[in-house]
């Protein structure tokens, strides 16, 4: 399992969330800010099985003009 963190501009975040939900991925959007101008950003968090990572990355590439994407290994996952 992988945890994908996408840090992108606010204006791209809504479109990406819509596309992820349409593709039946569960995603969480967290409002964030940073950088020199402290512009509004969003961090989108998606947990997926390894074979679905490329699908999420493709949606992100097709939707966001600029994004920082981190793909992290998840040692353990439990749904409570």
Protein backbone atom coordinates (compact mmCIF):
# COMPACT_ATOMS: atom_id res chain seq x y z
CA UNK A 1 0.00 0.00 0.00
CA UNK A 2 1.13 3.56 -0.74
CA UNK A 3 0.24 6.97 0.67
CA UNK A 4 0.30 9.73 -1.94
CA UNK A 5 0.67 13.35 -0.85
CA UNK A 6 -0.03 15.96 -3.54
CA UNK A 7 0.77 19.56 -2.66
CA UNK A 8 -0.75 21.86 -5.25
CA UNK A 9 -2.43 25.20 -5.82
CA UNK A 10 -5.90 25.71 -4.41
CA UNK A 11 -7.39 26.28 -7.85
CA UNK A 12 -6.13 22.87 -9.02
CA UNK A 13 -7.15 21.03 -5.86
CA UNK A 14 -10.91 21.16 -6.48
CA UNK A 15 -10.50 19.78 -9.99
CA UNK A 16 -8.20 17.00 -8.80
CA UNK A 17 -10.55 15.99 -5.98
CA UNK A 18 -13.44 15.82 -8.47
CA UNK A 19 -11.41 13.66 -10.84
CA UNK A 20 -10.23 11.35 -8.06
CA UNK A 21 -13.77 10.86 -6.76
CA UNK A 22 -15.05 10.23 -10.30
CA UNK A 23 -12.38 7.52 -10.62
CA UNK A 24 -13.59 6.05 -7.27
CA UNK A 25 -10.52 6.98 -5.23
CA UNK A 26 -10.97 8.20 -1.67
CA UNK A 27 -9.09 11.41 -1.01
CA UNK A 28 -8.72 13.97 1.75
CA UNK A 29 -8.00 17.66 1.07
CA UNK A 30 -6.14 19.69 3.68
CA UNK A 31 -5.80 23.48 3.23
CA UNK A 32 -2.13 24.47 3.56
CA UNK A 33 0.05 27.48 2.89
CA UNK A 34 3.73 28.09 2.46
CA UNK A 35 6.47 29.42 0.28
CA UNK A 36 7.83 32.92 -0.01
CA UNK A 37 4.45 34.52 -0.78
CA UNK A 38 2.52 32.21 1.56
CA UNK A 39 -0.01 31.52 -1.17
CA UNK A 40 -2.91 29.19 -0.58
CA UNK A 41 -2.16 25.59 -1.35
CA UNK A 42 -3.88 22.32 -0.66
CA UNK A 43 -2.47 18.96 0.27
CA UNK A 44 -4.42 16.00 -1.06
CA UNK A 45 -3.86 12.66 0.65
CA UNK A 46 -4.74 9.41 -1.11
CA UNK A 47 -4.10 5.87 0.12
CA UNK A 48 -3.99 3.25 -2.66
CA UNK A 49 -2.77 -0.22 -3.44
CA UNK A 50 0.59 -0.30 -5.22
CA UNK A 51 -0.89 -1.10 -8.65
CA UNK A 52 -3.10 2.04 -8.54
CA UNK A 53 -0.32 4.58 -7.90
CA UNK A 54 0.24 5.32 -11.59
CA UNK A 55 -3.49 6.02 -12.08
CA UNK A 56 -3.44 8.67 -9.34
CA UNK A 57 -0.24 10.18 -10.71
CA UNK A 58 -1.73 10.37 -14.21
CA UNK A 59 -4.83 12.15 -12.90
CA UNK A 60 -2.59 14.57 -11.02
CA UNK A 61 -0.40 15.26 -14.07
CA UNK A 62 -3.46 15.84 -16.25
CA UNK A 63 -5.13 18.18 -13.72
CA UNK A 64 -2.50 20.25 -11.92
CA UNK A 65 -0.33 22.94 -13.47
CA UNK A 66 2.26 22.62 -10.68
CA UNK A 67 2.40 20.01 -7.94
CA UNK A 68 4.81 18.32 -5.56
CA UNK A 69 3.91 14.67 -5.22
CA UNK A 70 5.28 12.23 -2.66
CA UNK A 71 4.62 8.49 -2.81
CA UNK A 72 5.28 6.86 0.56
CA UNK A 73 5.32 3.21 1.57
CA UNK A 74 2.74 2.26 4.18
CA UNK A 75 3.90 -0.48 6.52
CA UNK A 76 0.46 -1.12 7.98
CA UNK A 77 -3.09 -0.05 7.29
CA UNK A 78 -6.23 -0.71 9.32
CA UNK A 79 -9.74 0.54 8.66
CA UNK A 80 -11.51 1.03 11.99
